[in-house]
Amino acid sequence: MKTNAVNEGLKYGAICGLAAILIMYGSWSGGITFFTGAVFYSTFIPYMVAIIVIGGLQLRKQSGGFLNYKEALKFSFLSYAVAAVIVAIGTYILYNLIDPTLTEQSAQIALEKTRQMMEKFGASEADIEKSLKESEKSMKDTGFKKIIIGTGWGLIWDFAKSLLISLVIRKEQKPEDQLA
């Protein structure tokens, strides 16, 4: 039975995107401190990688135990792309329509944490102030353009992860198996 990598990519991308939205909106409802912590840690917890690997292995199983690299890459990157679109839309809605003060609140907490970290590592007050000023400029807005640019940069990283995930989930047919 031949399965469709595109359909499965759309499905698992929607699952990843909805999981990210659930984390984002759920943590936001817990308050700004909880929200900024959850956003920070969710960046490093590879839950999407796990979901996509599981989905890829399911796709391979549905394809008779084989999945070539091209189809694996199509599935994994499409999953990331769909998730990225869902997250971009959810981010825009949260930061611009639901809670327009969220950008400023998040930036303030991020700047405070940056100051604490730099002090902990013994940075001079002049270096701390310079770094905070530069960081503050980049944290001014979360408008449509900034979200789209961020999504584009994120997709470059997602493509790199897709290349690696595809190596894990692929299983090529041997030429003698194709003749049978």
Protein backbone atom coordinates (compact mmCIF):
# COMPACT_ATOMS: atom_id res chain seq x y z
CA MET A 1 0.00 0.00 0.00
CA LYS A 2 1.49 3.35 -1.08
CA THR A 3 0.86 6.24 1.28
CA ASN A 4 1.02 9.91 0.51
CA ALA A 5 3.91 11.77 2.15
CA VAL A 6 2.18 15.08 1.46
CA ASN A 7 -1.05 14.13 3.25
CA GLU A 8 0.88 12.69 6.19
CA GLY A 9 3.12 15.79 6.28
CA LEU A 10 0.04 18.01 6.44
CA LYS A 11 -1.44 15.88 9.21
CA TYR A 12 1.69 15.76 11.37
CA GLY A 13 2.41 19.43 10.67
CA ALA A 14 -1.04 20.29 11.99
CA ILE A 15 -0.39 18.15 15.08
CA CYS A 16 2.95 19.93 15.72
CA GLY A 17 1.45 23.36 15.08
CA LEU A 18 -1.49 22.74 17.39
CA ALA A 19 0.84 21.43 20.10
CA ALA A 20 2.91 24.61 19.82
CA ILE A 21 -0.21 26.79 19.96
CA LEU A 22 -1.44 24.88 23.00
CA ILE A 23 1.89 25.47 24.74
CA MET A 24 1.93 29.16 23.75
CA TYR A 25 -1.64 30.03 24.72
CA GLY A 26 -1.69 27.73 27.74
CA SER A 27 1.46 29.26 29.17
CA TRP A 28 0.21 32.78 28.37
CA SER A 29 -2.90 32.10 30.44
CA GLY A 30 -0.57 31.25 33.36
CA GLY A 31 0.88 34.76 33.49
CA ILE A 32 3.79 36.61 31.94
CA THR A 33 6.51 34.98 34.04
CA PHE A 34 5.24 31.49 33.28
CA PHE A 35 4.78 32.43 29.61
CA THR A 36 8.33 33.68 29.09
CA GLY A 37 9.75 30.62 30.86
CA ALA A 38 7.65 28.24 28.79
CA VAL A 39 8.54 29.97 25.53
CA PHE A 40 12.23 29.78 26.44
CA TYR A 41 12.18 26.10 27.42
CA SER A 42 9.91 24.98 24.57
CA THR A 43 12.61 26.23 22.21
CA PHE A 44 14.99 23.58 23.56
CA ILE A 45 12.60 20.68 24.11
CA PRO A 46 12.48 18.75 20.82
CA TYR A 47 8.81 17.76 21.01
CA MET A 48 8.28 18.50 17.29
CA VAL A 49 11.26 16.34 16.36
CA ALA A 50 9.75 13.47 18.35
CA ILE A 51 6.31 13.92 16.76
CA ILE A 52 7.78 14.06 13.24
CA VAL A 53 10.03 11.02 13.80
CA ILE A 54 7.06 9.03 15.13
CA GLY A 55 4.96 10.17 12.16
CA GLY A 56 7.75 9.32 9.74
CA LEU A 57 8.15 5.84 11.16
CA GLN A 58 4.37 5.39 10.84
CA LEU A 59 4.57 6.57 7.22
CA ARG A 60 7.36 4.08 6.54
CA LYS A 61 5.32 1.28 8.14
CA GLN A 62 2.26 2.23 6.04
CA SER A 63 4.48 2.16 2.94
CA GLY A 64 5.34 -1.50 3.42
CA GLY A 65 8.38 -0.90 5.61
CA PHE A 66 10.25 1.25 3.08
CA LEU A 67 10.53 5.00 2.63
CA ASN A 68 13.04 6.61 0.32
CA TYR A 69 14.96 9.70 1.34
CA LYS A 70 13.09 12.03 -1.03
CA GLU A 71 9.69 11.04 0.39
CA ALA A 72 11.03 11.19 3.96
CA LEU A 73 12.34 14.71 3.37
CA LYS A 74 9.10 15.78 1.72
CA PHE A 75 7.16 14.50 4.73
CA SER A 76 9.41 15.95 7.43
CA PHE A 77 9.91 19.42 5.91
CA LEU A 78 6.24 19.77 5.01
CA SER A 79 5.40 18.91 8.62
CA TYR A 80 7.69 21.69 9.82
CA ALA A 81 6.38 24.18 7.24
CA VAL A 82 2.74 23.58 8.18
CA ALA A 83 3.60 23.90 11.88
CA ALA A 84 5.51 27.13 11.18
CA VAL A 85 2.51 28.69 9.41
CA ILE A 86 0.18 27.72 12.25
CA VAL A 87 2.59 29.10 14.85
CA ALA A 88 3.12 32.34 12.88
CA ILE A 89 -0.64 32.93 12.68
CA GLY A 90 -1.11 32.05 16.35
CA THR A 91 1.76 34.33 17.37
CA TYR A 92 0.41 37.25 15.39
CA ILE A 93 -3.05 36.82 16.91
CA LEU A 94 -1.71 36.54 20.47
CA TYR A 95 0.79 39.41 20.31
CA ASN A 96 -1.22 41.84 18.20
CA LEU A 97 -4.91 41.14 18.75
CA ILE A 98 -5.37 39.37 22.08
CA ASP A 99 -2.58 40.94 24.18
CA PRO A 100 -0.87 43.91 22.49
CA THR A 101 1.21 44.56 25.64
CA LEU A 102 2.78 41.10 25.50
CA THR A 103 5.75 42.17 23.38
CA GLU A 104 6.73 44.86 25.87
CA GLN A 105 6.15 42.63 28.89
CA SER A 106 8.15 39.74 27.39
CA ALA A 107 10.96 42.08 26.37
CA GLN A 108 11.18 43.51 29.89
CA ILE A 109 11.52 40.07 31.45
CA ALA A 110 14.05 38.98 28.81
CA LEU A 111 16.14 42.10 29.46
CA GLU A 112 16.06 41.50 33.21
CA LYS A 113 17.18 37.89 32.74
CA THR A 114 19.92 39.02 30.36
CA ARG A 115 21.16 41.54 32.95
CA GLN A 116 21.19 38.87 35.68
CA MET A 117 23.09 36.44 33.48
CA MET A 118 25.67 39.04 32.45
CA GLU A 119 26.18 40.12 36.06
CA LYS A 120 26.58 36.49 37.06
CA PHE A 121 29.35 36.10 34.47
CA GLY A 122 31.08 39.27 35.68
CA ALA A 123 30.40 41.62 32.76
CA SER A 124 31.14 45.30 33.36
CA GLU A 125 28.24 47.72 33.83
CA ALA A 126 29.17 49.47 30.55
CA ASP A 127 29.06 46.17 28.63
CA ILE A 128 25.75 45.24 30.25
CA GLU A 129 24.16 48.59 29.35
CA LYS A 130 25.45 48.41 25.77
CA SER A 131 24.15 44.87 25.31
CA LEU A 132 20.76 45.68 26.84
CA LYS A 133 20.35 48.74 24.59
CA GLU A 134 21.05 46.66 21.48
CA SER A 135 18.69 43.91 22.64
CA GLU A 136 15.94 46.38 23.48
CA LYS A 137 15.95 47.78 19.92
CA SER A 138 15.30 44.35 18.43
CA MET A 139 12.44 43.59 20.86
CA LYS A 140 10.23 46.56 19.99
CA ASP A 141 7.49 44.86 17.97
CA THR A 142 6.00 41.59 16.84
CA GLY A 143 4.26 42.85 13.74
CA PHE A 144 3.45 40.90 10.63
CA LYS A 145 6.78 41.63 8.89
CA LYS A 146 8.88 40.56 11.87
CA ILE A 147 6.88 37.35 12.33
CA ILE A 148 7.23 36.47 8.63
CA ILE A 149 10.99 37.11 8.69
CA GLY A 150 11.33 35.04 11.87
CA THR A 151 9.31 32.24 10.31
CA GLY A 152 11.55 32.30 7.23
CA TRP A 153 14.72 32.05 9.33
CA GLY A 154 13.09 29.31 11.39
CA LEU A 155 12.28 27.34 8.24
CA ILE A 156 15.96 27.32 7.30
CA TRP A 157 16.75 25.66 10.64
CA ASP A 158 13.73 23.37 10.20
CA PHE A 159 15.04 22.26 6.80
CA ALA A 160 18.36 21.30 8.39
CA LYS A 161 16.48 19.28 11.03
CA SER A 162 14.37 17.71 8.28
CA LEU A 163 17.51 16.52 6.49
CA LEU A 164 18.62 14.72 9.67
CA ILE A 165 15.17 13.35 10.53
CA SER A 166 14.89 11.98 6.99
CA LEU A 167 18.11 10.03 7.50
CA VAL A 168 16.57 8.43 10.58
CA ILE A 169 13.16 7.54 9.13
CA ARG A 170 14.16 6.43 5.64
CA LYS A 171 14.66 2.85 4.69
CA GLU A 172 15.53 2.30 1.06
CA GLN A 173 14.52 -0.80 -0.85
CA LYS A 174 17.37 -2.93 -2.10
CA PRO A 175 17.41 -3.34 -5.91
CA GLU A 176 16.64 -7.08 -5.61
CA ASP A 177 13.56 -6.26 -3.45
CA GLN A 178 12.21 -3.92 -6.15
CA LEU A 179 12.29 -6.66 -8.78
CA ALA A 180 10.22 -9.11 -6.76
